[in-house]
């Protein structure tokens, strides 16, 4: 465990001057609803595109009542060109309506209820719990999954298995920030193809599992 804590610390230090993921920036507003919506927008979409979409959308509506009042075509126009923008517009509008009707406009702070919303998976739910509510949760996206396997922390093919594996070896106090650190690390250093191992500060701890070419 000391080794893992050391690796997290080195990765945190290396990414401190990089641009943090957009959902982390949105979380600074301390609003779980904005975290939830920004996470949905970010799925299969580059951060720059997501950031611009969030800015346009949240200017028009930044709470469930206002969001539910927008038409799906209006939301589509505001969030375009995020990936699957038509589907995401419908998901955002419907969950906003449900939040307003069933939860008095408040995002629930428990995993099972969040997962009951259409379009909300474990990645999104855990990110909302961690960044939106400060509740320890491990959010596993493609970067977290890939880097954890490269390091040899886990040997998994499924993100849910990765989440379970990491929960057993990483101290709870690091759960919330782990996604932010590893996403920034994966976007800038531990790239999916040809990772930049020569400048990586954790390379001596890395087993480079699955890495065929690196720089």
N, C-alpha and C. Protein backbone atom coordinates (compact mmCIF):
# COMPACT_ATOMS: atom_id res chain seq x y z
N UNK A 1 0.83 -1.21 0.00
CA UNK A 1 0.00 0.00 0.00
C UNK A 1 0.86 1.26 0.00
N UNK A 2 2.00 1.23 0.70
CA UNK A 2 2.89 2.38 0.71
C UNK A 2 3.39 2.70 -0.69
N UNK A 3 3.64 1.65 -1.47
CA UNK A 3 4.09 1.83 -2.84
C UNK A 3 3.02 2.53 -3.68
N UNK A 4 1.78 2.12 -3.50
CA UNK A 4 0.68 2.73 -4.25
C UNK A 4 0.51 4.19 -3.87
N UNK A 5 0.58 4.48 -2.59
CA UNK A 5 0.47 5.86 -2.12
C UNK A 5 1.59 6.71 -2.72
N UNK A 6 2.78 6.13 -2.79
CA UNK A 6 3.92 6.83 -3.39
C UNK A 6 3.66 7.14 -4.87
N UNK A 7 3.12 6.17 -5.58
CA UNK A 7 2.82 6.36 -7.00
C UNK A 7 1.77 7.45 -7.19
N UNK A 8 0.72 7.42 -6.38
CA UNK A 8 -0.33 8.45 -6.47
C UNK A 8 0.26 9.83 -6.22
N UNK A 9 1.15 9.93 -5.24
CA UNK A 9 1.77 11.21 -4.93
C UNK A 9 2.63 11.72 -6.08
N UNK A 10 3.39 10.85 -6.70
CA UNK A 10 4.24 11.25 -7.82
C UNK A 10 3.40 11.66 -9.02
N UNK A 11 2.33 10.92 -9.28
CA UNK A 11 1.44 11.26 -10.40
C UNK A 11 0.76 12.60 -10.14
N UNK A 12 0.31 12.82 -8.91
CA UNK A 12 -0.33 14.09 -8.55
C UNK A 12 0.62 15.25 -8.78
N UNK A 13 1.87 15.07 -8.40
CA UNK A 13 2.88 16.12 -8.56
C UNK A 13 3.13 16.41 -10.04
N UNK A 14 3.17 15.37 -10.86
CA UNK A 14 3.47 15.58 -12.28
C UNK A 14 2.33 16.25 -13.03
N UNK A 15 1.09 16.03 -12.62
CA UNK A 15 -0.04 16.58 -13.36
C UNK A 15 -0.52 17.93 -12.81
N UNK A 16 0.12 18.43 -11.78
CA UNK A 16 -0.40 19.63 -11.13
C UNK A 16 -0.46 20.85 -12.04
N UNK A 17 0.39 20.88 -13.08
CA UNK A 17 0.39 22.02 -13.99
C UNK A 17 -0.40 21.75 -15.27
N UNK A 18 -0.99 20.56 -15.37
CA UNK A 18 -1.82 20.23 -16.53
C UNK A 18 -3.24 20.72 -16.30
N UNK A 19 -3.98 20.86 -17.38
CA UNK A 19 -5.39 21.22 -17.27
C UNK A 19 -6.15 20.04 -16.70
N UNK A 20 -6.91 20.27 -15.65
CA UNK A 20 -7.66 19.18 -15.02
C UNK A 20 -8.90 18.88 -15.84
N UNK A 21 -9.46 17.68 -15.71
CA UNK A 21 -10.68 17.32 -16.46
C UNK A 21 -11.80 18.33 -16.21
N UNK A 22 -12.61 18.55 -17.22
CA UNK A 22 -13.67 19.56 -17.14
C UNK A 22 -14.63 19.29 -16.00
N UNK A 23 -14.94 18.02 -15.74
CA UNK A 23 -15.88 17.71 -14.66
C UNK A 23 -15.31 18.15 -13.31
N UNK A 24 -14.00 18.03 -13.15
CA UNK A 24 -13.35 18.49 -11.91
C UNK A 24 -13.48 20.00 -11.78
N UNK A 25 -13.35 20.72 -12.89
CA UNK A 25 -13.49 22.18 -12.86
C UNK A 25 -14.92 22.56 -12.51
N UNK A 26 -15.87 21.88 -13.11
CA UNK A 26 -17.29 22.16 -12.83
C UNK A 26 -17.60 21.90 -11.36
N UNK A 27 -16.95 20.88 -10.78
CA UNK A 27 -17.19 20.51 -9.38
C UNK A 27 -16.80 21.61 -8.41
N UNK A 28 -15.96 22.54 -8.85
CA UNK A 28 -15.57 23.65 -7.97
C UNK A 28 -16.76 24.53 -7.60
N UNK A 29 -17.84 24.42 -8.37
CA UNK A 29 -19.05 25.20 -8.07
C UNK A 29 -19.89 24.56 -6.95
N UNK A 30 -19.47 23.37 -6.51
CA UNK A 30 -20.13 22.68 -5.40
C UNK A 30 -21.60 22.41 -5.67
N UNK A 31 -21.91 22.00 -6.89
CA UNK A 31 -23.28 21.72 -7.27
C UNK A 31 -23.35 20.33 -7.91
N UNK A 32 -23.89 19.33 -7.20
CA UNK A 32 -23.96 17.97 -7.74
C UNK A 32 -24.70 17.88 -9.08
N UNK A 33 -25.70 18.74 -9.30
CA UNK A 33 -26.44 18.71 -10.56
C UNK A 33 -25.53 19.06 -11.73
N UNK A 34 -24.72 20.08 -11.57
CA UNK A 34 -23.81 20.47 -12.64
C UNK A 34 -22.75 19.40 -12.88
N UNK A 35 -22.32 18.75 -11.81
CA UNK A 35 -21.37 17.64 -11.96
C UNK A 35 -22.02 16.51 -12.75
N UNK A 36 -23.26 16.18 -12.41
CA UNK A 36 -23.98 15.11 -13.08
C UNK A 36 -24.13 15.39 -14.57
N UNK A 37 -24.59 16.57 -14.91
CA UNK A 37 -24.81 16.93 -16.31
C UNK A 37 -23.50 16.99 -17.08
N UNK A 38 -22.48 17.59 -16.48
CA UNK A 38 -21.19 17.70 -17.18
C UNK A 38 -20.57 16.33 -17.41
N UNK A 39 -20.77 15.41 -16.48
CA UNK A 39 -20.25 14.06 -16.65
C UNK A 39 -20.96 13.35 -17.81
N UNK A 40 -22.27 13.52 -17.90
CA UNK A 40 -23.02 12.93 -19.01
C UNK A 40 -22.52 13.50 -20.34
N UNK A 41 -22.30 14.79 -20.38
CA UNK A 41 -21.81 15.42 -21.61
C UNK A 41 -20.41 14.95 -21.99
N UNK A 42 -19.61 14.62 -20.99
CA UNK A 42 -18.21 14.27 -21.24
C UNK A 42 -18.01 12.88 -21.82
N UNK A 43 -19.02 12.02 -21.71
CA UNK A 43 -18.88 10.64 -22.17
C UNK A 43 -18.59 10.61 -23.66
N UNK A 44 -17.47 9.96 -24.02
CA UNK A 44 -17.04 9.82 -25.41
C UNK A 44 -16.92 11.17 -26.12
N UNK A 45 -16.45 12.16 -25.39
CA UNK A 45 -16.30 13.50 -25.95
C UNK A 45 -15.02 14.12 -25.39
N UNK A 46 -14.28 14.83 -26.22
CA UNK A 46 -13.06 15.49 -25.78
C UNK A 46 -13.38 16.61 -24.80
N UNK A 47 -12.45 16.82 -23.88
CA UNK A 47 -12.68 17.79 -22.81
C UNK A 47 -12.98 19.20 -23.32
N UNK A 48 -12.28 19.64 -24.35
CA UNK A 48 -12.49 20.99 -24.88
C UNK A 48 -13.92 21.14 -25.39
N UNK A 49 -14.40 20.15 -26.10
CA UNK A 49 -15.76 20.19 -26.62
C UNK A 49 -16.77 20.17 -25.47
N UNK A 50 -16.49 19.34 -24.46
CA UNK A 50 -17.38 19.26 -23.30
C UNK A 50 -17.43 20.59 -22.55
N UNK A 51 -16.27 21.20 -22.37
CA UNK A 51 -16.20 22.47 -21.64
C UNK A 51 -17.02 23.56 -22.34
N UNK A 52 -16.92 23.62 -23.65
CA UNK A 52 -17.67 24.63 -24.40
C UNK A 52 -19.16 24.36 -24.34
N UNK A 53 -19.53 23.07 -24.40
CA UNK A 53 -20.95 22.71 -24.31
C UNK A 53 -21.51 23.04 -22.93
N UNK A 54 -20.74 22.75 -21.88
CA UNK A 54 -21.17 23.07 -20.52
C UNK A 54 -21.40 24.56 -20.35
N UNK A 55 -20.50 25.34 -20.89
CA UNK A 55 -20.62 26.80 -20.76
C UNK A 55 -21.91 27.29 -21.40
N UNK A 56 -22.20 26.80 -22.60
CA UNK A 56 -23.43 27.23 -23.29
C UNK A 56 -24.68 26.75 -22.57
N UNK A 57 -24.66 25.48 -22.17
CA UNK A 57 -25.85 24.90 -21.54
C UNK A 57 -26.14 25.52 -20.19
N UNK A 58 -25.12 25.66 -19.36
CA UNK A 58 -25.33 26.16 -18.00
C UNK A 58 -25.67 27.65 -17.99
N UNK A 59 -25.35 28.34 -19.05
CA UNK A 59 -25.76 29.75 -19.17
C UNK A 59 -27.27 29.82 -19.40
N UNK A 60 -27.79 28.80 -20.09
CA UNK A 60 -29.22 28.77 -20.36
C UNK A 60 -30.02 28.16 -19.22
N UNK A 61 -29.42 27.19 -18.53
CA UNK A 61 -30.11 26.50 -17.42
C UNK A 61 -29.08 25.84 -16.52
N UNK A 62 -29.14 26.15 -15.22
CA UNK A 62 -28.15 25.57 -14.31
C UNK A 62 -28.79 24.89 -13.10
N UNK A 63 -30.07 24.54 -13.22
CA UNK A 63 -30.73 23.76 -12.17
C UNK A 63 -31.79 22.89 -12.83
N UNK A 64 -32.27 21.85 -12.14
CA UNK A 64 -33.21 20.92 -12.76
C UNK A 64 -34.48 21.56 -13.32
N UNK A 65 -35.05 22.52 -12.61
CA UNK A 65 -36.29 23.14 -13.07
C UNK A 65 -36.07 23.87 -14.39
N UNK A 66 -35.02 24.66 -14.46
CA UNK A 66 -34.74 25.41 -15.69
C UNK A 66 -34.37 24.47 -16.83
N UNK A 67 -33.64 23.40 -16.50
CA UNK A 67 -33.22 22.45 -17.54
C UNK A 67 -34.43 21.70 -18.10
N UNK A 68 -35.34 21.30 -17.22
CA UNK A 68 -36.53 20.56 -17.65
C UNK A 68 -37.43 21.43 -18.52
N UNK A 69 -37.35 22.74 -18.34
CA UNK A 69 -38.18 23.66 -19.11
C UNK A 69 -37.68 23.85 -20.54
N UNK A 70 -36.44 23.47 -20.79
CA UNK A 70 -35.90 23.57 -22.14
C UNK A 70 -36.40 22.39 -22.98
N UNK A 71 -36.61 22.62 -24.24
CA UNK A 71 -37.00 21.53 -25.13
C UNK A 71 -35.77 20.70 -25.49
N UNK A 72 -35.99 19.47 -25.88
CA UNK A 72 -34.87 18.62 -26.29
C UNK A 72 -34.11 19.23 -27.47
N UNK A 73 -34.79 19.76 -28.50
CA UNK A 73 -34.06 20.40 -29.60
C UNK A 73 -33.20 21.57 -29.13
N UNK A 74 -33.70 22.32 -28.14
CA UNK A 74 -32.93 23.45 -27.62
C UNK A 74 -31.66 22.95 -26.93
N UNK A 75 -31.79 21.90 -26.13
CA UNK A 75 -30.63 21.33 -25.45
C UNK A 75 -29.66 20.76 -26.48
N UNK A 76 -30.19 20.09 -27.49
CA UNK A 76 -29.34 19.56 -28.55
C UNK A 76 -28.49 20.65 -29.18
N UNK A 77 -29.10 21.77 -29.47
CA UNK A 77 -28.40 22.88 -30.10
C UNK A 77 -27.31 23.44 -29.18
N UNK A 78 -27.61 23.49 -27.90
CA UNK A 78 -26.65 24.05 -26.94
C UNK A 78 -25.45 23.15 -26.73
N UNK A 79 -25.65 21.83 -26.78
CA UNK A 79 -24.55 20.92 -26.46
C UNK A 79 -23.82 20.39 -27.69
N UNK A 80 -24.38 20.57 -28.87
CA UNK A 80 -23.69 20.13 -30.09
C UNK A 80 -22.31 20.80 -30.18
N UNK A 81 -21.23 20.08 -30.54
CA UNK A 81 -21.17 18.74 -31.13
C UNK A 81 -20.66 17.64 -30.19
N UNK A 82 -21.09 17.60 -28.94
CA UNK A 82 -20.67 16.49 -28.09
C UNK A 82 -21.15 15.18 -28.70
N UNK A 83 -20.47 14.09 -28.38
CA UNK A 83 -20.87 12.80 -28.91
C UNK A 83 -22.27 12.40 -28.47
N UNK A 84 -23.04 11.84 -29.39
CA UNK A 84 -24.41 11.38 -29.10
C UNK A 84 -25.26 12.51 -28.50
N UNK A 85 -25.14 13.70 -29.08
CA UNK A 85 -25.79 14.88 -28.49
C UNK A 85 -27.31 14.75 -28.40
N UNK A 86 -27.93 14.08 -29.37
CA UNK A 86 -29.39 13.93 -29.32
C UNK A 86 -29.82 13.05 -28.15
N UNK A 87 -29.11 11.93 -27.98
CA UNK A 87 -29.42 11.03 -26.87
C UNK A 87 -29.16 11.72 -25.54
N UNK A 88 -28.04 12.42 -25.44
CA UNK A 88 -27.68 13.10 -24.19
C UNK A 88 -28.68 14.20 -23.86
N UNK A 89 -29.16 14.91 -24.86
CA UNK A 89 -30.15 15.97 -24.62
C UNK A 89 -31.41 15.39 -23.99
N UNK A 90 -31.85 14.26 -24.51
CA UNK A 90 -33.04 13.61 -23.98
C UNK A 90 -32.81 13.12 -22.56
N UNK A 91 -31.64 12.50 -22.32
CA UNK A 91 -31.31 12.00 -20.99
C UNK A 91 -31.28 13.13 -19.97
N UNK A 92 -30.62 14.24 -20.32
CA UNK A 92 -30.49 15.38 -19.40
C UNK A 92 -31.86 15.99 -19.09
N UNK A 93 -32.70 16.12 -20.09
CA UNK A 93 -34.03 16.70 -19.87
C UNK A 93 -34.88 15.79 -19.00
N UNK A 94 -34.87 14.50 -19.27
CA UNK A 94 -35.69 13.56 -18.52
C UNK A 94 -35.23 13.43 -17.07
N UNK A 95 -33.92 13.38 -16.85
CA UNK A 95 -33.46 13.26 -15.46
C UNK A 95 -33.72 14.55 -14.69
N UNK A 96 -33.68 15.68 -15.39
CA UNK A 96 -33.99 16.96 -14.75
C UNK A 96 -35.45 16.99 -14.31
N UNK A 97 -36.34 16.49 -15.17
CA UNK A 97 -37.77 16.43 -14.84
C UNK A 97 -38.00 15.51 -13.64
N UNK A 98 -37.31 14.37 -13.64
CA UNK A 98 -37.49 13.43 -12.53
C UNK A 98 -36.95 14.01 -11.22
N UNK A 99 -35.81 14.70 -11.30
CA UNK A 99 -35.26 15.33 -10.09
C UNK A 99 -36.23 16.35 -9.52
N UNK A 100 -36.86 17.11 -10.40
CA UNK A 100 -37.79 18.15 -9.96
C UNK A 100 -39.05 17.53 -9.34
N UNK A 101 -39.56 16.47 -9.96
CA UNK A 101 -40.81 15.87 -9.52
C UNK A 101 -40.63 14.98 -8.29
N UNK A 102 -39.59 14.13 -8.30
CA UNK A 102 -39.43 13.13 -7.25
C UNK A 102 -38.48 13.52 -6.13
N UNK A 103 -37.56 14.45 -6.41
CA UNK A 103 -36.52 14.75 -5.42
C UNK A 103 -36.42 16.23 -5.07
N UNK A 104 -37.48 16.97 -5.37
CA UNK A 104 -37.52 18.39 -5.02
C UNK A 104 -36.33 19.16 -5.60
N UNK A 105 -35.91 18.74 -6.78
CA UNK A 105 -34.84 19.44 -7.47
C UNK A 105 -33.44 19.15 -6.95
N UNK A 106 -33.31 18.14 -6.10
CA UNK A 106 -32.01 17.81 -5.50
C UNK A 106 -31.49 16.48 -6.04
N UNK A 107 -30.21 16.44 -6.36
CA UNK A 107 -29.58 15.20 -6.81
C UNK A 107 -29.39 14.28 -5.61
N UNK A 108 -29.86 13.05 -5.68
CA UNK A 108 -29.68 12.12 -4.55
C UNK A 108 -28.22 11.77 -4.36
N UNK A 109 -27.83 11.59 -3.12
CA UNK A 109 -26.42 11.31 -2.81
C UNK A 109 -26.15 9.87 -2.46
N UNK A 110 -26.83 8.93 -3.13
CA UNK A 110 -26.52 7.52 -2.89
C UNK A 110 -26.44 6.79 -4.22
N UNK A 111 -25.59 5.79 -4.27
CA UNK A 111 -25.26 5.11 -5.51
C UNK A 111 -26.48 4.45 -6.17
N UNK A 112 -27.24 3.70 -5.41
CA UNK A 112 -28.34 2.95 -5.99
C UNK A 112 -29.38 3.87 -6.63
N UNK A 113 -29.69 4.98 -5.98
CA UNK A 113 -30.68 5.90 -6.54
C UNK A 113 -30.14 6.57 -7.80
N UNK A 114 -28.88 6.96 -7.78
CA UNK A 114 -28.28 7.56 -8.97
C UNK A 114 -28.32 6.59 -10.15
N UNK A 115 -28.04 5.32 -9.87
CA UNK A 115 -28.04 4.32 -10.93
C UNK A 115 -29.43 4.04 -11.47
N UNK A 116 -30.46 4.45 -10.75
CA UNK A 116 -31.82 4.22 -11.21
C UNK A 116 -32.23 5.22 -12.30
N UNK A 117 -31.41 6.25 -12.51
CA UNK A 117 -31.68 7.24 -13.55
C UNK A 117 -31.20 6.71 -14.89
N UNK A 118 -32.04 6.78 -15.90
CA UNK A 118 -31.65 6.35 -17.24
C UNK A 118 -30.47 7.17 -17.73
N UNK A 119 -29.45 6.49 -18.25
CA UNK A 119 -28.28 7.18 -18.78
C UNK A 119 -27.18 7.40 -17.76
N UNK A 120 -27.40 6.97 -16.51
CA UNK A 120 -26.39 7.13 -15.46
C UNK A 120 -25.82 5.76 -15.10
N UNK A 121 -24.54 5.56 -15.41
CA UNK A 121 -23.86 4.32 -15.08
C UNK A 121 -22.97 4.50 -13.86
N UNK A 122 -22.21 3.48 -13.52
CA UNK A 122 -21.37 3.53 -12.31
C UNK A 122 -20.32 4.63 -12.39
N UNK A 123 -19.73 4.82 -13.57
CA UNK A 123 -18.72 5.87 -13.71
C UNK A 123 -19.31 7.22 -13.34
N UNK A 124 -20.44 7.55 -13.95
CA UNK A 124 -21.07 8.84 -13.69
C UNK A 124 -21.52 8.95 -12.24
N UNK A 125 -22.16 7.90 -11.73
CA UNK A 125 -22.66 7.93 -10.35
C UNK A 125 -21.53 8.12 -9.35
N UNK A 126 -20.44 7.41 -9.54
CA UNK A 126 -19.32 7.53 -8.61
C UNK A 126 -18.66 8.91 -8.69
N UNK A 127 -18.63 9.47 -9.89
CA UNK A 127 -18.05 10.81 -10.03
C UNK A 127 -18.92 11.85 -9.33
N UNK A 128 -20.23 11.68 -9.42
CA UNK A 128 -21.15 12.60 -8.74
C UNK A 128 -21.00 12.47 -7.22
N UNK A 129 -20.90 11.24 -6.73
CA UNK A 129 -20.72 11.04 -5.29
C UNK A 129 -19.42 11.69 -4.81
N UNK A 130 -18.34 11.44 -5.55
CA UNK A 130 -17.04 11.95 -5.12
C UNK A 130 -16.90 13.45 -5.28
N UNK A 131 -17.06 13.93 -6.50
CA UNK A 131 -16.85 15.36 -6.77
C UNK A 131 -18.04 16.22 -6.38
N UNK A 132 -19.23 15.65 -6.44
CA UNK A 132 -20.43 16.44 -6.13
C UNK A 132 -20.77 16.48 -4.66
N UNK A 133 -20.52 15.36 -3.95
CA UNK A 133 -20.91 15.28 -2.54
C UNK A 133 -19.74 15.08 -1.58
N UNK A 134 -18.56 14.80 -2.11
CA UNK A 134 -17.42 14.54 -1.24
C UNK A 134 -17.50 13.18 -0.55
N UNK A 135 -18.27 12.27 -1.14
CA UNK A 135 -18.41 10.92 -0.60
C UNK A 135 -17.38 10.03 -1.29
N UNK A 136 -16.50 9.35 -0.55
CA UNK A 136 -15.47 8.52 -1.17
C UNK A 136 -16.05 7.51 -2.16
N UNK A 137 -15.59 7.59 -3.40
CA UNK A 137 -16.04 6.68 -4.45
C UNK A 137 -14.95 6.65 -5.52
N UNK A 138 -14.72 5.50 -6.11
CA UNK A 138 -13.71 5.36 -7.15
C UNK A 138 -14.39 5.37 -8.50
N UNK A 139 -14.10 6.38 -9.29
CA UNK A 139 -14.66 6.50 -10.63
C UNK A 139 -13.68 5.90 -11.63
N UNK A 140 -14.09 4.84 -12.30
CA UNK A 140 -13.21 4.17 -13.27
C UNK A 140 -13.66 4.49 -14.69
N UNK A 141 -12.86 5.31 -15.37
CA UNK A 141 -13.09 5.54 -16.79
C UNK A 141 -11.99 4.82 -17.56
N UNK A 142 -11.85 5.09 -18.85
CA UNK A 142 -10.87 4.37 -19.66
C UNK A 142 -9.44 4.62 -19.18
N UNK A 143 -9.15 5.84 -18.73
CA UNK A 143 -7.79 6.15 -18.26
C UNK A 143 -7.47 5.40 -16.96
N UNK A 144 -8.38 5.45 -16.02
CA UNK A 144 -8.16 4.77 -14.74
C UNK A 144 -8.02 3.27 -14.96
N UNK A 145 -8.87 2.72 -15.80
CA UNK A 145 -8.83 1.28 -16.10
C UNK A 145 -7.49 0.90 -16.75
N UNK A 146 -7.09 1.65 -17.75
CA UNK A 146 -5.87 1.33 -18.48
C UNK A 146 -4.62 1.48 -17.64
N UNK A 147 -4.50 2.60 -16.93
CA UNK A 147 -3.31 2.87 -16.14
C UNK A 147 -3.19 1.88 -14.98
N UNK A 148 -4.30 1.56 -14.35
CA UNK A 148 -4.29 0.62 -13.23
C UNK A 148 -3.79 -0.76 -13.68
N UNK A 149 -4.17 -1.14 -14.89
CA UNK A 149 -3.71 -2.43 -15.43
C UNK A 149 -2.26 -2.35 -15.88
N UNK A 150 -1.84 -1.23 -16.45
CA UNK A 150 -0.45 -1.08 -16.87
C UNK A 150 0.50 -1.14 -15.68
N UNK A 151 0.08 -0.52 -14.60
CA UNK A 151 0.91 -0.51 -13.40
C UNK A 151 0.97 -1.87 -12.73
N UNK A 152 -0.02 -2.71 -13.02
CA UNK A 152 -0.09 -4.01 -12.37
C UNK A 152 -0.86 -3.98 -11.07
N UNK A 153 -1.58 -2.86 -10.82
CA UNK A 153 -2.40 -2.78 -9.61
C UNK A 153 -3.52 -3.80 -9.69
N UNK A 154 -4.09 -3.95 -10.88
CA UNK A 154 -5.16 -4.91 -11.10
C UNK A 154 -4.90 -5.65 -12.40
N UNK A 155 -5.59 -6.75 -12.59
CA UNK A 155 -5.55 -7.48 -13.85
C UNK A 155 -6.99 -7.75 -14.23
N UNK A 156 -7.58 -6.77 -14.90
CA UNK A 156 -9.01 -6.81 -15.18
C UNK A 156 -9.33 -6.43 -16.62
N UNK A 157 -10.49 -6.86 -17.07
CA UNK A 157 -10.97 -6.48 -18.39
C UNK A 157 -12.21 -5.60 -18.29
N UNK A 158 -12.84 -5.62 -17.15
CA UNK A 158 -14.09 -4.90 -16.94
C UNK A 158 -13.90 -3.76 -15.93
N UNK A 159 -14.38 -2.55 -16.24
CA UNK A 159 -14.24 -1.42 -15.32
C UNK A 159 -14.81 -1.68 -13.93
N UNK A 160 -15.91 -2.43 -13.85
CA UNK A 160 -16.48 -2.73 -12.54
C UNK A 160 -15.52 -3.58 -11.71
N UNK A 161 -14.84 -4.51 -12.37
CA UNK A 161 -13.84 -5.32 -11.66
C UNK A 161 -12.65 -4.47 -11.25
N UNK A 162 -12.31 -3.50 -12.10
CA UNK A 162 -11.22 -2.58 -11.76
C UNK A 162 -11.59 -1.77 -10.52
N UNK A 163 -12.82 -1.30 -10.48
CA UNK A 163 -13.29 -0.53 -9.32
C UNK A 163 -13.18 -1.36 -8.04
N UNK A 164 -13.64 -2.60 -8.11
CA UNK A 164 -13.58 -3.48 -6.94
C UNK A 164 -12.14 -3.75 -6.53
N UNK A 165 -11.28 -3.99 -7.52
CA UNK A 165 -9.88 -4.26 -7.22
C UNK A 165 -9.19 -3.08 -6.59
N UNK A 166 -9.42 -1.90 -7.11
CA UNK A 166 -8.79 -0.69 -6.57
C UNK A 166 -9.31 -0.38 -5.17
N UNK A 167 -10.58 -0.63 -4.94
CA UNK A 167 -11.16 -0.37 -3.61
C UNK A 167 -10.48 -1.20 -2.53
N UNK A 168 -9.92 -2.35 -2.93
CA UNK A 168 -9.27 -3.22 -1.96
C UNK A 168 -7.82 -2.88 -1.68
N UNK A 169 -7.22 -2.00 -2.50
CA UNK A 169 -5.79 -1.71 -2.32
C UNK A 169 -5.47 -0.23 -2.14
N UNK A 170 -6.41 0.64 -2.42
CA UNK A 170 -6.16 2.08 -2.30
C UNK A 170 -6.88 2.66 -1.08
N UNK A 171 -6.17 3.36 -0.22
CA UNK A 171 -6.80 3.97 0.96
C UNK A 171 -7.95 4.89 0.56
N UNK A 172 -9.00 4.87 1.33
CA UNK A 172 -10.20 5.63 1.02
C UNK A 172 -9.98 7.12 0.81
N UNK A 173 -8.99 7.69 1.49
CA UNK A 173 -8.79 9.13 1.37
C UNK A 173 -8.31 9.56 -0.02
N UNK A 174 -7.90 8.59 -0.84
CA UNK A 174 -7.44 8.91 -2.19
C UNK A 174 -8.50 8.61 -3.26
N UNK A 175 -9.61 8.04 -2.87
CA UNK A 175 -10.60 7.60 -3.85
C UNK A 175 -11.14 8.74 -4.70
N UNK A 176 -11.49 9.85 -4.09
CA UNK A 176 -12.13 10.94 -4.83
C UNK A 176 -11.19 11.55 -5.85
N UNK A 177 -9.94 11.79 -5.47
CA UNK A 177 -9.01 12.47 -6.37
C UNK A 177 -8.37 11.54 -7.39
N UNK A 178 -8.52 10.24 -7.22
CA UNK A 178 -7.84 9.29 -8.10
C UNK A 178 -8.21 9.50 -9.56
N UNK A 179 -9.49 9.70 -9.84
CA UNK A 179 -9.92 9.89 -11.23
C UNK A 179 -9.31 11.14 -11.83
N UNK A 180 -9.35 12.25 -11.10
CA UNK A 180 -8.78 13.50 -11.60
C UNK A 180 -7.30 13.34 -11.92
N UNK A 181 -6.56 12.69 -11.02
CA UNK A 181 -5.13 12.51 -11.23
C UNK A 181 -4.85 11.61 -12.43
N UNK A 182 -5.50 10.47 -12.49
CA UNK A 182 -5.19 9.51 -13.54
C UNK A 182 -5.74 9.93 -14.91
N UNK A 183 -6.82 10.67 -14.94
CA UNK A 183 -7.30 11.18 -16.22
C UNK A 183 -6.30 12.19 -16.79
N UNK A 184 -5.87 13.12 -15.96
CA UNK A 184 -4.86 14.09 -16.41
C UNK A 184 -3.57 13.39 -16.80
N UNK A 185 -3.20 12.36 -16.04
CA UNK A 185 -2.00 11.59 -16.32
C UNK A 185 -2.15 10.83 -17.65
N UNK A 186 -3.32 10.27 -17.87
CA UNK A 186 -3.56 9.52 -19.08
C UNK A 186 -3.67 10.39 -20.32
N UNK A 187 -4.11 11.61 -20.15
CA UNK A 187 -4.24 12.52 -21.27
C UNK A 187 -2.90 13.13 -21.69
N UNK A 188 -1.96 13.18 -20.76
CA UNK A 188 -0.71 13.88 -21.03
C UNK A 188 0.56 13.01 -20.98
N UNK A 189 0.56 11.97 -20.19
CA UNK A 189 1.76 11.14 -20.00
C UNK A 189 1.52 9.69 -20.41
N UNK A 190 0.63 9.03 -19.74
CA UNK A 190 0.37 7.61 -19.98
C UNK A 190 -0.69 7.47 -21.07
N UNK A 191 -0.32 7.88 -22.28
CA UNK A 191 -1.25 7.89 -23.39
C UNK A 191 -1.68 6.47 -23.78
N UNK A 192 -2.87 6.33 -24.35
CA UNK A 192 -3.33 4.99 -24.75
C UNK A 192 -2.38 4.32 -25.74
N UNK A 193 -1.83 5.11 -26.67
CA UNK A 193 -0.86 4.61 -27.65
C UNK A 193 0.44 5.38 -27.50
N UNK A 194 1.56 4.68 -27.47
CA UNK A 194 2.88 5.30 -27.31
C UNK A 194 2.96 6.22 -26.10
N UNK A 195 2.79 5.67 -24.91
CA UNK A 195 2.89 6.49 -23.69
C UNK A 195 4.28 7.12 -23.57
N UNK A 196 4.34 8.26 -22.90
CA UNK A 196 5.59 9.02 -22.79
C UNK A 196 6.38 8.55 -21.56
N UNK A 197 6.83 7.33 -21.62
CA UNK A 197 7.52 6.71 -20.48
C UNK A 197 8.82 7.42 -20.10
N UNK A 198 9.48 8.05 -21.07
CA UNK A 198 10.77 8.67 -20.81
C UNK A 198 10.68 9.85 -19.85
N UNK A 199 9.50 10.48 -19.77
CA UNK A 199 9.36 11.62 -18.86
C UNK A 199 8.42 11.30 -17.70
N UNK A 200 8.00 10.05 -17.59
CA UNK A 200 7.05 9.64 -16.55
C UNK A 200 7.75 9.49 -15.21
N UNK A 201 7.22 10.13 -14.20
CA UNK A 201 7.84 10.10 -12.88
C UNK A 201 7.56 8.81 -12.11
N UNK A 202 6.65 8.00 -12.62
CA UNK A 202 6.37 6.75 -11.92
C UNK A 202 6.85 5.54 -12.73
N UNK A 203 7.68 5.78 -13.74
CA UNK A 203 8.09 4.69 -14.63
C UNK A 203 8.82 3.57 -13.90
N UNK A 204 9.58 3.89 -12.85
CA UNK A 204 10.32 2.84 -12.16
C UNK A 204 9.41 1.92 -11.36
N UNK A 205 8.16 2.37 -11.14
CA UNK A 205 7.20 1.54 -10.41
C UNK A 205 6.25 0.80 -11.36
N UNK A 206 6.34 1.11 -12.66
CA UNK A 206 5.37 0.62 -13.62
C UNK A 206 5.82 -0.68 -14.29
N UNK A 207 4.93 -1.65 -14.36
CA UNK A 207 5.24 -2.92 -15.01
C UNK A 207 5.03 -2.86 -16.52
N UNK A 208 4.44 -1.75 -16.99
CA UNK A 208 4.21 -1.52 -18.42
C UNK A 208 3.46 -2.69 -19.07
N UNK A 209 2.53 -3.23 -18.36
CA UNK A 209 1.75 -4.35 -18.88
C UNK A 209 0.92 -3.90 -20.09
N UNK A 210 1.10 -4.60 -21.19
CA UNK A 210 0.36 -4.29 -22.41
C UNK A 210 0.97 -3.19 -23.25
N UNK A 211 2.06 -2.59 -22.80
CA UNK A 211 2.70 -1.51 -23.55
C UNK A 211 3.67 -2.11 -24.58
N UNK A 212 3.41 -1.84 -25.84
CA UNK A 212 4.27 -2.38 -26.90
C UNK A 212 5.24 -1.33 -27.42
N UNK A 213 4.78 -0.11 -27.51
CA UNK A 213 5.63 0.99 -27.98
C UNK A 213 5.50 2.17 -27.03
N UNK A 214 6.62 2.78 -26.71
CA UNK A 214 6.59 3.94 -25.83
C UNK A 214 7.69 4.91 -26.22
N UNK A 215 7.55 6.11 -25.69
CA UNK A 215 8.53 7.15 -26.00
C UNK A 215 9.32 7.51 -24.75
